N, C-alpha and C. Protein backbone atom coordinates (compact mmCIF):
# COMPACT_ATOMS: atom_id res chain seq x y z
N MET A 1 141.55 108.85 126.20
CA MET A 1 142.28 107.88 125.47
C MET A 1 142.74 108.45 124.14
N THR A 2 143.96 108.40 123.75
CA THR A 2 144.44 108.93 122.53
C THR A 2 144.40 107.94 121.45
N ILE A 3 144.48 108.38 120.19
CA ILE A 3 144.50 107.51 119.01
C ILE A 3 145.65 106.54 119.07
N LYS A 4 146.83 106.98 119.62
CA LYS A 4 147.96 106.17 119.73
C LYS A 4 147.70 105.03 120.68
N GLN A 5 146.97 105.30 121.75
CA GLN A 5 146.65 104.23 122.72
C GLN A 5 145.63 103.27 122.10
N LEU A 6 144.63 103.78 121.29
CA LEU A 6 143.69 102.89 120.66
C LEU A 6 144.36 101.96 119.63
N ARG A 7 145.39 102.55 118.96
CA ARG A 7 146.05 101.70 117.87
C ARG A 7 147.17 100.81 118.47
N SER A 8 147.40 100.86 119.78
CA SER A 8 148.46 100.07 120.33
C SER A 8 148.24 98.62 120.49
N HIS A 9 146.89 98.21 120.54
CA HIS A 9 146.48 96.86 120.65
C HIS A 9 146.57 96.19 119.22
N ARG A 10 147.40 95.23 119.16
CA ARG A 10 147.72 94.60 117.86
C ARG A 10 147.72 93.10 117.87
N ILE A 11 147.35 92.52 116.73
CA ILE A 11 147.37 91.06 116.49
C ILE A 11 148.10 90.94 115.12
N PHE A 12 149.18 90.18 115.11
CA PHE A 12 150.05 90.01 113.94
C PHE A 12 150.47 91.37 113.39
N ASP A 13 150.81 92.28 114.27
CA ASP A 13 151.27 93.59 113.85
C ASP A 13 150.23 94.46 113.14
N ILE A 14 148.95 94.10 113.34
CA ILE A 14 147.88 94.90 112.73
C ILE A 14 147.04 95.51 113.83
N SER A 15 146.85 96.78 113.75
CA SER A 15 146.08 97.44 114.77
C SER A 15 144.56 97.02 114.79
N MET A 16 144.13 96.56 115.87
CA MET A 16 142.75 96.09 116.00
C MET A 16 141.73 97.30 115.82
N PHE A 17 142.14 98.52 116.32
CA PHE A 17 141.33 99.68 116.18
C PHE A 17 141.12 99.99 114.64
N ASP A 18 142.19 99.87 113.88
CA ASP A 18 142.03 100.13 112.36
C ASP A 18 141.07 99.10 111.74
N VAL A 19 141.27 97.88 112.11
CA VAL A 19 140.47 96.78 111.51
C VAL A 19 138.93 97.04 111.94
N ILE A 20 138.69 97.36 113.19
CA ILE A 20 137.28 97.54 113.62
C ILE A 20 136.68 98.75 112.88
N ILE A 21 137.43 99.92 112.79
CA ILE A 21 136.91 101.03 112.15
C ILE A 21 136.62 100.76 110.62
N ALA A 22 137.54 100.02 110.05
CA ALA A 22 137.35 99.63 108.59
C ALA A 22 136.04 98.75 108.42
N TRP A 23 135.80 97.83 109.34
CA TRP A 23 134.54 97.02 109.32
C TRP A 23 133.32 97.82 109.44
N ILE A 24 133.37 98.78 110.40
CA ILE A 24 132.28 99.68 110.61
C ILE A 24 131.99 100.50 109.31
N GLY A 25 133.11 101.06 108.82
CA GLY A 25 132.96 101.81 107.53
C GLY A 25 132.37 101.02 106.40
N LEU A 26 132.86 99.72 106.28
CA LEU A 26 132.32 98.89 105.18
C LEU A 26 130.84 98.58 105.43
N TYR A 27 130.48 98.36 106.72
CA TYR A 27 129.08 98.10 107.02
C TYR A 27 128.16 99.19 106.53
N PHE A 28 128.57 100.46 106.87
CA PHE A 28 127.75 101.57 106.42
C PHE A 28 127.76 101.73 104.94
N PHE A 29 128.95 101.51 104.29
CA PHE A 29 129.04 101.56 102.82
C PHE A 29 128.03 100.55 102.24
N PHE A 30 127.96 99.34 102.70
CA PHE A 30 127.07 98.36 102.11
C PHE A 30 125.61 98.66 102.37
N VAL A 31 125.32 99.25 103.53
CA VAL A 31 123.90 99.65 103.81
C VAL A 31 123.46 100.69 102.75
N ILE A 32 124.32 101.63 102.50
CA ILE A 32 124.02 102.72 101.52
C ILE A 32 123.96 102.11 100.10
N TYR A 33 124.98 101.24 99.80
CA TYR A 33 125.11 100.62 98.52
C TYR A 33 123.83 99.81 98.13
N GLN A 34 123.33 99.03 99.16
CA GLN A 34 122.13 98.23 98.90
C GLN A 34 120.87 99.09 98.66
N LYS A 35 120.82 100.30 99.15
CA LYS A 35 119.76 101.18 98.97
C LYS A 35 119.74 101.82 97.58
N ILE A 36 121.00 102.16 97.07
CA ILE A 36 121.05 102.87 95.78
C ILE A 36 121.28 101.94 94.65
N LYS A 37 121.98 100.79 94.88
CA LYS A 37 122.30 99.77 93.87
C LYS A 37 122.62 100.37 92.45
N PRO A 38 123.87 100.92 92.40
CA PRO A 38 124.31 101.52 91.11
C PRO A 38 124.34 100.42 90.00
N ILE A 39 123.84 100.84 88.77
CA ILE A 39 123.87 99.96 87.61
C ILE A 39 125.26 99.80 87.11
N GLY A 40 125.57 98.51 86.82
CA GLY A 40 126.83 98.16 86.26
C GLY A 40 127.91 97.72 87.35
N TYR A 41 127.58 97.83 88.58
CA TYR A 41 128.47 97.40 89.64
C TYR A 41 127.95 96.02 90.08
N PRO A 42 128.92 95.22 90.70
CA PRO A 42 128.50 93.88 91.12
C PRO A 42 127.41 93.88 92.19
N ASP A 43 126.54 92.88 92.19
CA ASP A 43 125.54 92.70 93.14
C ASP A 43 126.19 92.36 94.45
N ILE A 44 125.61 92.80 95.52
CA ILE A 44 126.13 92.54 96.88
C ILE A 44 126.26 91.05 97.10
N ASN A 45 125.48 90.22 96.50
CA ASN A 45 125.55 88.78 96.72
C ASN A 45 126.59 88.11 95.97
N ASP A 46 127.38 88.84 95.13
CA ASP A 46 128.50 88.31 94.37
C ASP A 46 129.60 87.95 95.35
N PRO A 47 130.54 87.11 94.90
CA PRO A 47 131.63 86.66 95.82
C PRO A 47 132.36 87.94 96.43
N ALA A 48 132.91 87.74 97.58
CA ALA A 48 133.61 88.76 98.31
C ALA A 48 134.77 89.33 97.53
N MET A 49 135.38 88.58 96.74
CA MET A 49 136.57 89.05 96.05
C MET A 49 136.22 90.24 95.05
N LYS A 50 135.09 90.12 94.39
CA LYS A 50 134.71 91.23 93.50
C LYS A 50 134.55 92.49 94.28
N THR A 51 133.92 92.39 95.44
CA THR A 51 133.76 93.58 96.36
C THR A 51 135.09 94.15 96.79
N THR A 52 136.02 93.20 97.18
CA THR A 52 137.33 93.61 97.59
C THR A 52 138.05 94.39 96.55
N ILE A 53 138.02 93.83 95.28
CA ILE A 53 138.63 94.47 94.16
C ILE A 53 137.98 95.79 93.91
N PHE A 54 136.75 95.96 94.12
CA PHE A 54 136.08 97.29 93.95
C PHE A 54 136.50 98.24 95.03
N LEU A 55 136.66 97.83 96.25
CA LEU A 55 136.93 98.74 97.36
C LEU A 55 138.43 99.07 97.52
N LEU A 56 139.31 98.16 97.06
CA LEU A 56 140.72 98.43 97.27
C LEU A 56 141.22 99.74 96.67
N PRO A 57 140.97 100.13 95.44
CA PRO A 57 141.35 101.39 94.90
C PRO A 57 140.79 102.61 95.75
N ILE A 58 139.61 102.48 96.24
CA ILE A 58 139.02 103.52 97.07
C ILE A 58 139.79 103.68 98.33
N SER A 59 140.12 102.60 98.87
CA SER A 59 140.87 102.58 100.17
C SER A 59 142.31 103.21 99.96
N ILE A 60 142.97 102.84 98.87
CA ILE A 60 144.24 103.39 98.63
C ILE A 60 144.21 104.87 98.40
N ILE A 61 143.25 105.30 97.54
CA ILE A 61 143.09 106.77 97.27
C ILE A 61 142.77 107.57 98.52
N SER A 62 141.90 107.02 99.33
CA SER A 62 141.52 107.77 100.57
C SER A 62 142.66 107.92 101.51
N HIS A 63 143.46 106.85 101.61
CA HIS A 63 144.62 106.98 102.54
C HIS A 63 145.66 107.96 102.02
N VAL A 64 145.86 108.05 100.67
CA VAL A 64 146.71 109.05 100.13
C VAL A 64 146.22 110.45 100.31
N MET A 65 144.85 110.57 100.06
CA MET A 65 144.26 111.94 100.18
C MET A 65 144.37 112.47 101.60
N PHE A 66 144.27 111.61 102.63
CA PHE A 66 144.31 112.06 104.01
C PHE A 66 145.69 111.89 104.58
N ASN A 67 146.65 111.59 103.75
CA ASN A 67 148.06 111.44 104.17
C ASN A 67 148.27 110.44 105.36
N VAL A 68 147.59 109.34 105.19
CA VAL A 68 147.77 108.26 106.20
C VAL A 68 148.67 107.21 105.59
N PRO A 69 149.82 107.01 106.15
CA PRO A 69 150.74 106.05 105.58
C PRO A 69 150.36 104.67 105.92
N THR A 70 150.36 103.75 104.96
CA THR A 70 150.07 102.38 105.17
C THR A 70 151.13 101.57 104.55
N GLU A 71 151.22 100.30 105.07
CA GLU A 71 152.29 99.45 104.54
C GLU A 71 152.13 99.14 103.07
N LEU A 72 150.83 98.90 102.58
CA LEU A 72 150.55 98.67 101.21
C LEU A 72 150.94 99.88 100.33
N ASN A 73 150.51 101.08 100.76
CA ASN A 73 150.92 102.29 99.97
C ASN A 73 152.41 102.51 99.94
N TYR A 74 153.09 102.15 101.10
CA TYR A 74 154.58 102.26 101.06
C TYR A 74 155.14 101.29 100.07
N LYS A 75 154.68 100.13 100.01
CA LYS A 75 155.22 99.13 99.11
C LYS A 75 154.86 99.46 97.61
N LEU A 76 153.79 100.24 97.41
CA LEU A 76 153.37 100.64 96.08
C LEU A 76 154.20 101.90 95.72
N GLY A 77 154.89 102.51 96.70
CA GLY A 77 155.70 103.67 96.38
C GLY A 77 154.93 104.97 96.42
N ILE A 78 153.77 105.05 97.08
CA ILE A 78 153.01 106.28 97.00
C ILE A 78 152.88 106.96 98.39
N SER A 79 153.51 106.37 99.45
CA SER A 79 153.46 107.13 100.73
C SER A 79 154.78 106.69 101.42
N ARG A 80 154.95 107.41 102.55
CA ARG A 80 156.11 107.06 103.37
C ARG A 80 155.90 105.85 104.28
N LYS A 81 156.98 105.30 104.79
CA LYS A 81 156.81 104.13 105.60
C LYS A 81 155.99 104.45 106.85
N PRO A 82 155.05 103.57 107.22
CA PRO A 82 154.31 103.88 108.38
C PRO A 82 155.12 103.70 109.70
N ILE A 83 154.87 104.55 110.71
CA ILE A 83 155.61 104.44 111.96
C ILE A 83 154.83 103.45 112.86
N ARG A 84 155.49 102.47 113.39
CA ARG A 84 154.85 101.46 114.23
C ARG A 84 155.36 101.60 115.59
């Protein structure tokens, strides 16, 4: 099975494969985050919005670094339009 086949299953034009991989990545991030608990960062029990605001720049930077075009990065003007 190719990556194109995996990404072909969509709901509201969003690839389910991408969503599942992102959730798995966030799960491992939180497991590590809870073990090291950096000083000055929000507690894991804080509202989800603070965590989202914390992770959004990391997501944008990693997609740009690995040259993965996303709709958000396209609208921000930092990557090409994603091919759907």
